[in-house]
């Protein structure tokens, strides 16, 4: 009887369309599976210029993960974020002002250096004019001195008699 009842219900029920087949849902990946695993190899450290790209790459990875930290999320969603940005902007302006003051000071020092170098060149020109050979010869001739000729210059041996002669000559000139 139960079989007859089931057969009647099946005949009385409206015909149903078969359910459409669904595509299977893609497997969910965990966060760690989404990122490529970092391989650590015992390779020799490259020399010189190859270290800079490695350091930049490691820094970029560290900075990329920074916004995901809880402290940064709490900071950026609160009023402290405005305070932090204000302090950072104030620091940038202060650094610019300090840099401009150093630049102005350096400009003043450079200007003073140029003035002193010009003054030095003027003083050197005056000294060269005062110590020129022609002027020295003219001043010596005015007081009665003569420039010896090349044949008049002789060298003496230093002995006891020469020292006594030089001392007597000096006494005559100064006295």
C-alpha atoms as a PDB file:
ATOM      1  CA  UNK A   1       0.000   0.000   0.000  1.00  0.00           C
ATOM      2  CA  UNK A   2       2.739   2.362   0.769  1.00  0.00           C
ATOM      3  CA  UNK A   3       4.105   1.774  -2.682  1.00  0.00           C
ATOM      4  CA  UNK A   4       0.747   2.600  -4.236  1.00  0.00           C
ATOM      5  CA  UNK A   5       0.480   5.845  -2.251  1.00  0.00           C
ATOM      6  CA  UNK A   6       3.920   6.951  -3.345  1.00  0.00           C
ATOM      7  CA  UNK A   7       3.025   6.213  -6.964  1.00  0.00           C
ATOM      8  CA  UNK A   8      -0.171   8.286  -6.691  1.00  0.00           C
ATOM      9  CA  UNK A   9       1.655  11.252  -5.186  1.00  0.00           C
ATOM     10  CA  UNK A  10       4.238  11.138  -7.922  1.00  0.00           C
ATOM     11  CA  UNK A  11       1.524  11.101 -10.619  1.00  0.00           C
ATOM     12  CA  UNK A  12      -0.429  13.940  -8.977  1.00  0.00           C
ATOM     13  CA  UNK A  13       2.616  16.227  -8.397  1.00  0.00           C
ATOM     14  CA  UNK A  14       3.512  18.702 -11.157  1.00  0.00           C
ATOM     15  CA  UNK A  15       6.638  17.961 -13.084  1.00  0.00           C
ATOM     16  CA  UNK A  16       9.723  19.823 -11.847  1.00  0.00           C
ATOM     17  CA  UNK A  17      12.606  21.090 -13.874  1.00  0.00           C
ATOM     18  CA  UNK A  18      15.918  19.659 -12.841  1.00  0.00           C
ATOM     19  CA  UNK A  19      18.021  22.098 -10.784  1.00  0.00           C
ATOM     20  CA  UNK A  20      20.743  23.806 -12.812  1.00  0.00           C
ATOM     21  CA  UNK A  21      24.210  22.653 -12.017  1.00  0.00           C
ATOM     22  CA  UNK A  22      26.358  25.172 -10.196  1.00  0.00           C
ATOM     23  CA  UNK A  23      30.035  25.682 -10.632  1.00  0.00           C
ATOM     24  CA  UNK A  24      31.970  24.654  -7.585  1.00  0.00           C
ATOM     25  CA  UNK A  25      33.043  27.631  -5.416  1.00  0.00           C
ATOM     26  CA  UNK A  26      36.713  28.484  -5.702  1.00  0.00           C
ATOM     27  CA  UNK A  27      38.744  27.314  -2.764  1.00  0.00           C
ATOM     28  CA  UNK A  28      39.454  30.151  -0.365  1.00  0.00           C
ATOM     29  CA  UNK A  29      43.057  30.872   0.258  1.00  0.00           C
ATOM     30  CA  UNK A  30      44.383  31.984   3.548  1.00  0.00           C
ATOM     31  CA  UNK A  31      46.380  35.237   3.758  1.00  0.00           C
ATOM     32  CA  UNK A  32      49.640  33.415   4.087  1.00  0.00           C
ATOM     33  CA  UNK A  33      48.863  31.292   1.037  1.00  0.00           C
ATOM     34  CA  UNK A  34      48.116  34.398  -1.076  1.00  0.00           C
ATOM     35  CA  UNK A  35      51.631  35.740  -0.600  1.00  0.00           C
ATOM     36  CA  UNK A  36      54.526  33.933  -2.179  1.00  0.00           C
ATOM     37  CA  UNK A  37      56.707  32.221   0.339  1.00  0.00           C
ATOM     38  CA  UNK A  38      60.089  33.788   0.815  1.00  0.00           C
ATOM     39  CA  UNK A  39      62.951  31.439   0.135  1.00  0.00           C
ATOM     40  CA  UNK A  40      66.032  31.724   2.228  1.00  0.00           C
ATOM     41  CA  UNK A  41      69.082  30.452   0.444  1.00  0.00           C
ATOM     42  CA  UNK A  42      72.660  30.334   1.542  1.00  0.00           C
ATOM     43  CA  UNK A  43      73.883  32.407  -1.366  1.00  0.00           C
ATOM     44  CA  UNK A  44      76.936  34.620  -1.114  1.00  0.00           C
ATOM     45  CA  UNK A  45      76.149  38.264  -0.472  1.00  0.00           C
ATOM     46  CA  UNK A  46      76.553  40.302  -3.663  1.00  0.00           C
ATOM     47  CA  UNK A  47      79.144  43.024  -3.482  1.00  0.00           C
ATOM     48  CA  UNK A  48      78.774  46.756  -3.999  1.00  0.00           C
ATOM     49  CA  UNK A  49      75.801  48.062  -5.942  1.00  0.00           C
ATOM     50  CA  UNK A  50      73.710  44.887  -5.589  1.00  0.00           C
ATOM     51  CA  UNK A  51      73.054  45.553  -1.909  1.00  0.00           C
ATOM     52  CA  UNK A  52      71.024  48.685  -2.574  1.00  0.00           C
ATOM     53  CA  UNK A  53      68.201  46.990  -4.542  1.00  0.00           C
ATOM     54  CA  UNK A  54      67.987  44.274  -1.884  1.00  0.00           C
ATOM     55  CA  UNK A  55      67.695  46.867   0.862  1.00  0.00           C
ATOM     56  CA  UNK A  56      65.058  48.787  -1.089  1.00  0.00           C
ATOM     57  CA  UNK A  57      63.070  45.618  -1.704  1.00  0.00           C
ATOM     58  CA  UNK A  58      63.120  44.633   1.950  1.00  0.00           C
ATOM     59  CA  UNK A  59      62.133  48.143   2.981  1.00  0.00           C
ATOM     60  CA  UNK A  60      59.273  48.151   0.480  1.00  0.00           C
ATOM     61  CA  UNK A  61      57.962  44.883   1.934  1.00  0.00           C
ATOM     62  CA  UNK A  62      58.119  46.267   5.476  1.00  0.00           C
ATOM     63  CA  UNK A  63      56.379  49.499   4.484  1.00  0.00           C
ATOM     64  CA  UNK A  64      53.719  47.633   2.505  1.00  0.00           C
ATOM     65  CA  UNK A  65      52.701  45.683   5.605  1.00  0.00           C
ATOM     66  CA  UNK A  66      52.653  48.772   7.830  1.00  0.00           C
ATOM     67  CA  UNK A  67      49.045  49.903   7.085  1.00  0.00           C
ATOM     68  CA  UNK A  68      47.710  46.509   8.191  1.00  0.00           C
ATOM     69  CA  UNK A  69      48.924  46.918  11.759  1.00  0.00           C
ATOM     70  CA  UNK A  70      46.362  47.637  14.450  1.00  0.00           C
ATOM     71  CA  UNK A  71      48.122  50.718  15.763  1.00  0.00           C
ATOM     72  CA  UNK A  72      48.059  52.395  12.331  1.00  0.00           C
ATOM     73  CA  UNK A  73      44.387  51.520  11.821  1.00  0.00           C
ATOM     74  CA  UNK A  74      43.434  52.984  15.218  1.00  0.00           C
ATOM     75  CA  UNK A  75      45.548  56.071  14.574  1.00  0.00           C
ATOM     76  CA  UNK A  76      44.069  56.808  11.142  1.00  0.00           C
ATOM     77  CA  UNK A  77      40.462  56.416  12.325  1.00  0.00           C
ATOM     78  CA  UNK A  78      40.767  58.807  15.261  1.00  0.00           C
ATOM     79  CA  UNK A  79      41.544  62.454  15.963  1.00  0.00           C
ATOM     80  CA  UNK A  80      45.169  61.639  16.697  1.00  0.00           C
ATOM     81  CA  UNK A  81      45.687  61.312  12.932  1.00  0.00           C
ATOM     82  CA  UNK A  82      45.024  65.030  12.440  1.00  0.00           C
ATOM     83  CA  UNK A  83      47.414  65.858  15.271  1.00  0.00           C
ATOM     84  CA  UNK A  84      50.110  63.611  13.791  1.00  0.00           C
ATOM     85  CA  UNK A  85      49.737  65.125  10.320  1.00  0.00           C
ATOM     86  CA  UNK A  86      49.872  68.636  11.819  1.00  0.00           C
ATOM     87  CA  UNK A  87      53.064  67.806  13.697  1.00  0.00           C
ATOM     88  CA  UNK A  88      54.648  66.298  10.585  1.00  0.00           C
ATOM     89  CA  UNK A  89      53.742  69.322   8.465  1.00  0.00           C
ATOM     90  CA  UNK A  90      55.064  71.668  11.158  1.00  0.00           C
ATOM     91  CA  UNK A  91      58.321  69.706  11.186  1.00  0.00           C
ATOM     92  CA  UNK A  92      58.645  69.959   7.409  1.00  0.00           C
ATOM     93  CA  UNK A  93      58.060  73.717   7.500  1.00  0.00           C
ATOM     94  CA  UNK A  94      60.607  74.089  10.331  1.00  0.00           C
ATOM     95  CA  UNK A  95      63.202  72.136   8.342  1.00  0.00           C
ATOM     96  CA  UNK A  96      62.587  74.348   5.316  1.00  0.00           C
ATOM     97  CA  UNK A  97      62.959  77.515   7.399  1.00  0.00           C
ATOM     98  CA  UNK A  98      66.209  76.244   8.927  1.00  0.00           C
ATOM     99  CA  UNK A  99      67.535  75.306   5.492  1.00  0.00           C
ATOM    100  CA  UNK A 100      66.684  78.761   4.138  1.00  0.00           C
ATOM    101  CA  UNK A 101      68.405  80.450   7.077  1.00  0.00           C
ATOM    102  CA  UNK A 102      71.537  78.358   6.516  1.00  0.00           C
ATOM    103  CA  UNK A 103      71.433  79.253   2.826  1.00  0.00           C
ATOM    104  CA  UNK A 104      71.107  82.961   3.627  1.00  0.00           C
ATOM    105  CA  UNK A 105      73.999  82.765   6.092  1.00  0.00           C
ATOM    106  CA  UNK A 106      76.122  80.943   3.523  1.00  0.00           C
ATOM    107  CA  UNK A 107      75.299  83.656   0.976  1.00  0.00           C
ATOM    108  CA  UNK A 108      76.420  86.397   3.378  1.00  0.00           C
ATOM    109  CA  UNK A 109      79.639  84.535   4.158  1.00  0.00           C
ATOM    110  CA  UNK A 110      80.298  84.055   0.438  1.00  0.00           C
ATOM    111  CA  UNK A 111      79.765  87.770  -0.171  1.00  0.00           C
ATOM    112  CA  UNK A 112      82.179  88.651   2.656  1.00  0.00           C
ATOM    113  CA  UNK A 113      84.728  86.209   1.234  1.00  0.00           C
ATOM    114  CA  UNK A 114      84.515  87.867  -2.169  1.00  0.00           C
ATOM    115  CA  UNK A 115      84.926  91.342  -0.651  1.00  0.00           C
ATOM    116  CA  UNK A 116      87.973  90.223   1.342  1.00  0.00           C
ATOM    117  CA  UNK A 117      89.564  88.583  -1.700  1.00  0.00           C
ATOM    118  CA  UNK A 118      89.055  91.795  -3.707  1.00  0.00           C
ATOM    119  CA  UNK A 119      90.598  93.823  -0.880  1.00  0.00           C
ATOM    120  CA  UNK A 120      93.540  91.402  -0.711  1.00  0.00           C
ATOM    121  CA  UNK A 121      94.174  91.736  -4.441  1.00  0.00           C
ATOM    122  CA  UNK A 122      94.112  95.557  -4.145  1.00  0.00           C
ATOM    123  CA  UNK A 123      96.572  95.441  -1.234  1.00  0.00           C
ATOM    124  CA  UNK A 124      98.870  93.057  -3.126  1.00  0.00           C
ATOM    125  CA  UNK A 125      98.878  95.409  -6.123  1.00  0.00           C
ATOM    126  CA  UNK A 126      99.795  98.352  -3.849  1.00  0.00           C
ATOM    127  CA  UNK A 127     102.556  96.311  -2.187  1.00  0.00           C
ATOM    128  CA  UNK A 128     103.940  95.261  -5.568  1.00  0.00           C
ATOM    129  CA  UNK A 129     104.003  98.898  -6.698  1.00  0.00           C
ATOM    130  CA  UNK A 130     105.802 100.009  -3.513  1.00  0.00           C
ATOM    131  CA  UNK A 131     108.368  97.227  -3.669  1.00  0.00           C
ATOM    132  CA  UNK A 132     109.104  97.389  -7.393  1.00  0.00           C
ATOM    133  CA  UNK A 133     112.787  97.394  -8.382  1.00  0.00           C
ATOM    134  CA  UNK A 134     112.631 100.762 -10.112  1.00  0.00           C
ATOM    135  CA  UNK A 135     111.124 102.460  -7.076  1.00  0.00           C
ATOM    136  CA  UNK A 136     113.666 100.866  -4.707  1.00  0.00           C
ATOM    137  CA  UNK A 137     116.566 101.974  -6.977  1.00  0.00           C
ATOM    138  CA  UNK A 138     115.199 105.528  -7.156  1.00  0.00           C
ATOM    139  CA  UNK A 139     114.728 105.741  -3.381  1.00  0.00           C
ATOM    140  CA  UNK A 140     118.277 104.396  -2.801  1.00  0.00           C
ATOM    141  CA  UNK A 141     119.764 106.889  -5.257  1.00  0.00           C
ATOM    142  CA  UNK A 142     117.897 109.722  -3.510  1.00  0.00           C
ATOM    143  CA  UNK A 143     119.755 109.005  -0.260  1.00  0.00           C
ATOM    144  CA  UNK A 144     123.119 108.483  -1.977  1.00  0.00           C
ATOM    145  CA  UNK A 145     123.251 104.700  -2.325  1.00  0.00           C
ATOM    146  CA  UNK A 146     124.387 103.055  -5.505  1.00  0.00           C
ATOM    147  CA  UNK A 147     123.546  99.656  -6.802  1.00  0.00           C
ATOM    148  CA  UNK A 148     126.716  97.598  -7.234  1.00  0.00           C
ATOM    149  CA  UNK A 149     127.475  96.034 -10.572  1.00  0.00           C
ATOM    150  CA  UNK A 150     127.859  92.306 -10.935  1.00  0.00           C
ATOM    151  CA  UNK A 151     131.662  92.573 -10.996  1.00  0.00           C
ATOM    152  CA  UNK A 152     131.704  94.543  -7.723  1.00  0.00           C
ATOM    153  CA  UNK A 153     130.131  91.736  -5.701  1.00  0.00           C
ATOM    154  CA  UNK A 154     132.709  89.509  -4.005  1.00  0.00           C
ATOM    155  CA  UNK A 155     132.504  86.938  -1.279  1.00  0.00           C
ATOM    156  CA  UNK A 156     134.855  86.987   1.703  1.00  0.00           C
ATOM    157  CA  UNK A 157     136.085  84.191   3.885  1.00  0.00           C
ATOM    158  CA  UNK A 158     134.944  84.469   7.463  1.00  0.00           C
ATOM    159  CA  UNK A 159     138.003  84.628   9.695  1.00  0.00           C
ATOM    160  CA  UNK A 160     139.019  86.556  12.807  1.00  0.00           C
ATOM    161  CA  UNK A 161     140.541  89.385  10.751  1.00  0.00           C
ATOM    162  CA  UNK A 162     137.425  89.629   8.502  1.00  0.00           C
ATOM    163  CA  UNK A 163     135.119  89.862  11.509  1.00  0.00           C
ATOM    164  CA  UNK A 164     137.210  92.680  13.028  1.00  0.00           C
ATOM    165  CA  UNK A 165     137.256  94.555   9.685  1.00  0.00           C
ATOM    166  CA  UNK A 166     133.461  94.235   9.279  1.00  0.00           C
ATOM    167  CA  UNK A 167     132.897  95.482  12.837  1.00  0.00           C
ATOM    168  CA  UNK A 168     135.115  98.550  12.298  1.00  0.00           C
ATOM    169  CA  UNK A 169     133.321  99.370   9.032  1.00  0.00           C
ATOM    170  CA  UNK A 170     129.937  99.086  10.685  1.00  0.00           C
ATOM    171  CA  UNK A 171     131.108 101.369  13.492  1.00  0.00           C
ATOM    172  CA  UNK A 172     132.164 104.010  10.951  1.00  0.00           C
ATOM    173  CA  UNK A 173     128.849 103.894   9.033  1.00  0.00           C
ATOM    174  CA  UNK A 174     126.597 104.027  12.096  1.00  0.00           C
ATOM    175  CA  UNK A 175     128.702 106.539  14.072  1.00  0.00           C
END
